[in-house]
N, C-alpha and C. Protein backbone atom coordinates (compact mmCIF):
# COMPACT_ATOMS: atom_id res chain seq x y z
N MET A 1 15.22 -43.91 11.04
CA MET A 1 13.93 -44.09 12.13
C MET A 1 14.12 -43.49 13.20
N HIS A 2 16.14 -42.78 13.87
CA HIS A 2 16.06 -42.59 14.62
C HIS A 2 15.21 -41.47 15.22
N ASP A 3 14.66 -40.72 14.29
CA ASP A 3 13.76 -39.62 14.62
C ASP A 3 12.37 -39.63 14.68
N PHE A 4 12.12 -41.15 15.15
CA PHE A 4 10.67 -41.24 15.23
C PHE A 4 10.14 -40.70 16.41
N PRO A 5 11.09 -40.47 17.69
CA PRO A 5 10.38 -40.08 18.93
C PRO A 5 10.21 -38.42 18.78
N ALA A 6 10.72 -37.81 17.90
CA ALA A 6 10.67 -36.44 17.76
C ALA A 6 9.75 -36.21 17.09
N ARG A 7 9.29 -36.96 15.73
CA ARG A 7 8.15 -36.67 15.23
C ARG A 7 7.00 -37.37 15.74
N ALA A 8 7.05 -38.27 16.83
CA ALA A 8 5.76 -38.53 17.21
C ALA A 8 5.29 -37.81 18.40
N LEU A 9 6.26 -37.14 19.24
CA LEU A 9 6.48 -35.77 19.83
C LEU A 9 5.45 -34.55 19.11
N ALA A 10 5.76 -34.28 18.21
CA ALA A 10 5.41 -33.17 17.42
C ALA A 10 4.28 -33.49 16.94
N LEU A 11 3.87 -35.07 16.56
CA LEU A 11 2.37 -35.20 15.91
C LEU A 11 1.73 -34.87 17.26
N SER A 12 1.93 -35.25 18.60
CA SER A 12 0.97 -35.48 19.65
C SER A 12 0.98 -34.31 19.62
N GLU A 13 2.03 -33.01 19.84
CA GLU A 13 1.88 -31.57 20.00
C GLU A 13 1.14 -31.29 19.42
N GLY A 14 0.84 -31.03 18.37
CA GLY A 14 -0.29 -30.84 16.85
C GLY A 14 -1.63 -31.38 17.08
N LEU A 15 -1.70 -32.54 17.58
CA LEU A 15 -3.12 -32.78 18.11
C LEU A 15 -3.63 -32.03 19.10
N PHE A 16 -2.83 -31.90 20.10
CA PHE A 16 -3.30 -31.50 21.48
C PHE A 16 -3.85 -30.09 20.93
N LEU A 17 -2.74 -29.26 20.07
CA LEU A 17 -3.06 -27.96 19.84
C LEU A 17 -4.32 -27.80 19.33
N GLY A 18 -4.53 -28.76 18.04
CA GLY A 18 -5.69 -28.46 17.60
C GLY A 18 -6.86 -28.67 18.35
N ALA A 19 -6.86 -29.99 19.56
CA ALA A 19 -8.18 -30.37 19.55
C ALA A 19 -8.60 -28.83 20.86
N PHE A 20 -7.34 -28.39 21.29
CA PHE A 20 -7.31 -27.36 22.24
C PHE A 20 -8.01 -26.00 21.43
N PHE A 21 -7.65 -25.77 20.47
CA PHE A 21 -8.26 -24.58 19.36
C PHE A 21 -9.42 -24.86 19.43
N PHE A 22 -10.15 -25.77 18.53
CA PHE A 22 -11.11 -25.70 18.48
C PHE A 22 -11.95 -26.08 19.51
N GLY A 23 -11.68 -27.23 20.31
CA GLY A 23 -12.34 -27.40 21.32
C GLY A 23 -12.61 -25.68 22.29
N ALA A 24 -11.95 -25.08 22.28
CA ALA A 24 -11.78 -23.51 23.12
C ALA A 24 -12.73 -23.11 22.21
N LEU A 25 -13.07 -22.80 20.94
CA LEU A 25 -13.98 -22.64 19.94
C LEU A 25 -15.40 -22.64 20.41
N TRP A 26 -15.58 -24.18 20.48
CA TRP A 26 -16.81 -24.92 20.37
C TRP A 26 -17.35 -24.06 21.89
N TRP A 27 -17.01 -24.22 22.68
CA TRP A 27 -17.25 -23.71 23.95
C TRP A 27 -17.66 -22.33 24.07
N PRO A 28 -17.36 -21.59 23.37
CA PRO A 28 -17.78 -20.06 23.73
C PRO A 28 -19.01 -20.03 22.52
N VAL A 29 -18.87 -20.28 21.55
CA VAL A 29 -20.09 -20.84 20.43
C VAL A 29 -21.32 -21.24 21.42
N HIS A 30 -21.38 -22.22 22.15
CA HIS A 30 -22.14 -22.55 22.43
C HIS A 30 -22.66 -21.81 23.77
N CYS A 31 -21.80 -21.07 24.57
CA CYS A 31 -22.11 -20.07 25.56
C CYS A 31 -23.08 -18.87 25.09
N ALA A 32 -22.11 -18.41 23.96
CA ALA A 32 -22.50 -17.09 22.94
C ALA A 32 -24.23 -17.23 23.02
N LEU A 33 -24.53 -18.47 22.64
CA LEU A 33 -26.21 -18.52 21.96
C LEU A 33 -26.78 -18.13 23.21
N SER A 34 -26.53 -18.55 24.45
CA SER A 34 -27.55 -17.90 25.61
C SER A 34 -26.99 -16.80 26.22
N SER A 35 -26.36 -15.89 25.94
CA SER A 35 -25.72 -15.10 26.39
C SER A 35 -25.79 -13.55 26.04
N SER A 36 -26.01 -12.38 26.32
CA SER A 36 -26.25 -11.22 25.48
C SER A 36 -25.23 -10.44 25.48
N PRO A 37 -23.64 -10.63 26.11
CA PRO A 37 -22.80 -10.02 25.11
C PRO A 37 -22.24 -11.38 24.62
N ALA A 38 -22.24 -11.61 23.23
CA ALA A 38 -22.18 -13.04 22.34
C ALA A 38 -20.79 -12.02 22.15
N GLY A 39 -21.04 -10.82 21.63
CA GLY A 39 -19.31 -10.65 21.08
C GLY A 39 -18.30 -10.78 22.01
N ARG A 40 -18.21 -10.23 22.89
CA ARG A 40 -17.39 -10.26 24.05
C ARG A 40 -17.37 -11.69 24.56
N TRP A 41 -17.61 -12.21 24.37
CA TRP A 41 -17.45 -13.92 24.49
C TRP A 41 -16.38 -14.61 23.48
N LEU A 42 -16.77 -14.18 22.35
CA LEU A 42 -16.45 -14.67 20.75
C LEU A 42 -14.78 -13.99 20.84
N GLU A 43 -14.64 -12.57 21.48
CA GLU A 43 -13.65 -11.56 20.89
C GLU A 43 -12.40 -12.21 22.32
N GLY A 44 -13.04 -12.52 23.21
CA GLY A 44 -11.91 -12.79 24.67
C GLY A 44 -11.74 -14.25 24.17
N THR A 45 -12.33 -14.96 23.43
CA THR A 45 -11.50 -16.58 23.27
C THR A 45 -10.72 -16.63 22.33
N LEU A 46 -11.33 -15.61 21.73
CA LEU A 46 -10.58 -15.71 20.19
C LEU A 46 -9.30 -15.00 20.73
N LEU A 47 -9.37 -14.18 21.46
CA LEU A 47 -7.76 -13.28 21.95
C LEU A 47 -6.77 -14.32 22.88
N ALA A 48 -7.58 -15.26 23.61
CA ALA A 48 -7.04 -16.36 24.55
C ALA A 48 -6.64 -17.57 23.22
N ARG A 49 -7.30 -18.02 22.92
CA ARG A 49 -7.22 -19.04 21.94
C ARG A 49 -6.00 -19.10 21.12
N THR A 50 -5.66 -17.79 20.00
CA THR A 50 -4.90 -17.21 19.39
C THR A 50 -3.25 -16.81 20.68
N THR A 51 -3.52 -16.40 21.68
CA THR A 51 -2.39 -15.93 22.46
C THR A 51 -1.35 -17.60 23.16
N PHE A 52 -2.52 -18.58 23.16
CA PHE A 52 -1.99 -19.83 23.56
C PHE A 52 -1.21 -20.22 22.81
N ALA A 53 -2.62 -20.76 21.05
CA ALA A 53 -1.52 -21.06 20.24
C ALA A 53 -0.29 -20.32 19.51
N PHE A 54 -0.14 -19.15 19.61
CA PHE A 54 1.43 -18.41 19.68
C PHE A 54 2.71 -18.92 20.71
N ALA A 55 2.23 -19.29 21.65
CA ALA A 55 2.95 -19.37 22.76
C ALA A 55 3.87 -20.84 22.88
N GLU A 56 2.57 -21.76 22.30
CA GLU A 56 2.58 -23.00 21.77
C GLU A 56 3.84 -23.13 20.51
N PHE A 57 3.65 -22.63 19.61
CA PHE A 57 4.28 -22.49 18.18
C PHE A 57 6.08 -21.70 18.85
N TYR A 58 5.72 -20.96 19.51
CA TYR A 58 7.18 -20.90 20.18
C TYR A 58 7.80 -21.34 20.91
N GLY A 59 7.38 -22.23 21.83
CA GLY A 59 7.96 -23.04 22.43
C GLY A 59 8.03 -24.45 21.87
N ALA A 60 7.71 -24.70 20.65
CA ALA A 60 8.02 -25.74 19.59
C ALA A 60 9.02 -25.32 18.88
N ALA A 61 9.51 -23.78 18.43
CA ALA A 61 10.16 -23.76 17.78
C ALA A 61 11.72 -23.55 18.64
N GLY A 62 11.75 -23.99 19.63
CA GLY A 62 12.47 -23.61 20.78
C GLY A 62 13.22 -22.46 21.16
N GLY A 63 12.49 -21.52 21.06
CA GLY A 63 12.35 -20.22 21.32
C GLY A 63 12.73 -19.48 20.39
N ASP A 64 12.86 -19.92 19.25
CA ASP A 64 13.59 -19.11 18.25
C ASP A 64 12.75 -18.68 17.23
N TRP A 65 12.35 -16.90 17.43
CA TRP A 65 11.25 -16.31 16.77
C TRP A 65 11.09 -16.00 15.42
N GLN A 66 12.43 -16.25 15.04
CA GLN A 66 13.19 -15.99 13.46
C GLN A 66 12.18 -17.45 12.86
N LEU A 67 12.85 -18.62 13.09
CA LEU A 67 12.17 -19.84 12.59
C LEU A 67 10.82 -19.67 13.07
N MET A 68 10.20 -19.50 13.97
CA MET A 68 8.50 -19.56 14.18
C MET A 68 7.98 -18.51 12.87
N LEU A 69 8.48 -17.55 12.42
CA LEU A 69 8.30 -16.31 11.46
C LEU A 69 8.53 -16.94 10.24
N VAL A 70 9.65 -18.01 10.05
CA VAL A 70 9.71 -18.20 8.69
C VAL A 70 8.40 -19.56 8.54
N ILE A 71 8.43 -20.51 9.44
CA ILE A 71 7.24 -21.26 9.52
C ILE A 71 6.45 -20.69 9.16
N GLY A 72 6.10 -20.52 9.93
CA GLY A 72 4.33 -19.19 10.29
C GLY A 72 4.34 -19.02 8.41
N SER A 73 4.96 -17.92 8.07
CA SER A 73 4.68 -17.39 6.94
C SER A 73 4.58 -18.32 5.66
N SER A 74 5.50 -19.60 5.71
CA SER A 74 5.27 -20.31 4.53
C SER A 74 3.99 -21.13 4.90
N ALA A 75 3.65 -21.55 6.19
CA ALA A 75 2.51 -21.92 6.44
C ALA A 75 1.43 -21.41 5.53
N LEU A 76 1.15 -20.22 5.96
CA LEU A 76 0.47 -19.19 5.18
C LEU A 76 0.16 -19.22 3.88
N ARG A 77 1.13 -19.40 3.18
CA ARG A 77 1.26 -19.56 1.78
C ARG A 77 0.89 -19.96 1.29
N THR A 78 1.14 -21.31 2.04
CA THR A 78 0.70 -22.80 1.59
C THR A 78 -1.06 -22.78 1.38
N ALA A 79 -1.15 -22.10 2.82
CA ALA A 79 -2.97 -22.41 3.11
C ALA A 79 -3.78 -21.27 1.77
N ARG A 80 -3.14 -20.42 1.85
CA ARG A 80 -3.83 -19.46 0.80
C ARG A 80 -3.64 -19.63 -0.78
N MET A 81 -2.83 -20.59 -1.28
CA MET A 81 -2.50 -21.14 -2.50
C MET A 81 -3.84 -21.81 -3.07
N PRO A 82 -4.32 -21.03 -4.14
CA PRO A 82 -5.28 -21.60 -4.71
C PRO A 82 -5.41 -23.02 -5.38
N PRO A 83 -5.78 -23.65 -5.65
CA PRO A 83 -6.14 -25.28 -5.75
C PRO A 83 -5.82 -24.75 -7.41
N ARG A 84 -4.71 -25.69 -8.11
CA ARG A 84 -4.59 -25.70 -9.47
C ARG A 84 -5.62 -26.22 -10.57
N PRO A 85 -6.55 -25.45 -11.60
CA PRO A 85 -7.42 -26.34 -12.53
C PRO A 85 -6.46 -27.62 -12.81
N PRO A 86 -7.70 -28.39 -13.81
CA PRO A 86 -7.58 -29.62 -14.29
C PRO A 86 -6.79 -29.17 -15.32
N GLY A 87 -6.58 -28.37 -15.88
CA GLY A 87 -5.18 -28.08 -16.82
C GLY A 87 -3.86 -28.17 -16.45
N GLY A 88 -3.88 -27.48 -15.13
CA GLY A 88 -2.43 -27.57 -14.79
C GLY A 88 -1.82 -26.71 -14.65
N HIS A 89 -1.85 -25.29 -15.41
CA HIS A 89 -1.32 -23.97 -15.08
C HIS A 89 -2.82 -22.84 -14.63
N ARG A 90 -1.94 -21.87 -13.98
CA ARG A 90 -2.58 -20.86 -13.76
C ARG A 90 -2.72 -19.86 -14.42
N PRO A 91 -3.91 -18.94 -14.51
CA PRO A 91 -3.77 -17.88 -15.60
C PRO A 91 -2.80 -16.64 -14.51
N SER A 92 -2.26 -15.77 -15.57
CA SER A 92 -1.55 -14.70 -14.96
C SER A 92 -2.57 -13.46 -14.10
N PRO A 93 -1.92 -13.22 -13.21
CA PRO A 93 -2.37 -12.42 -12.43
C PRO A 93 -3.02 -11.30 -12.81
N GLY A 94 -4.63 -11.03 -13.02
CA GLY A 94 -4.92 -9.60 -13.90
C GLY A 94 -5.30 -10.22 -15.00
N ARG A 95 -5.15 -11.08 -15.61
CA ARG A 95 -6.14 -11.98 -17.05
C ARG A 95 -7.33 -13.17 -17.04
N SER A 96 -7.92 -12.83 -17.29
CA SER A 96 -8.93 -14.33 -17.18
C SER A 96 -8.50 -15.45 -17.67
N ALA A 97 -9.15 -16.57 -17.42
CA ALA A 97 -8.45 -17.94 -17.98
C ALA A 97 -8.77 -17.52 -19.32
N ALA A 98 -9.82 -17.15 -19.88
CA ALA A 98 -10.00 -17.33 -21.16
C ALA A 98 -9.64 -16.64 -22.23
N GLY A 99 -8.80 -15.18 -21.43
CA GLY A 99 -7.87 -14.13 -22.41
C GLY A 99 -6.87 -14.32 -22.20
């Protein structure tokens, strides 16, 4: 249990980053509905939110960009994996489930 403070800090940082990212997403969508250059609002805030998120991840990785790259690619791979079917096996790429 000696790593509890580090885990609590990581959890609080993740909660803050998620709240900031999605809160900053709600704000431009709300403003873009009443603005004529809606695309500029959304593009500009997407760039700002993504830059802030990457800067936070870089800081959380302790400035080690290789570690950030490994963790990010692992998270992306996990997020893009399709769910397993009820049988528990996946069909091989290029073949249908029936074939």
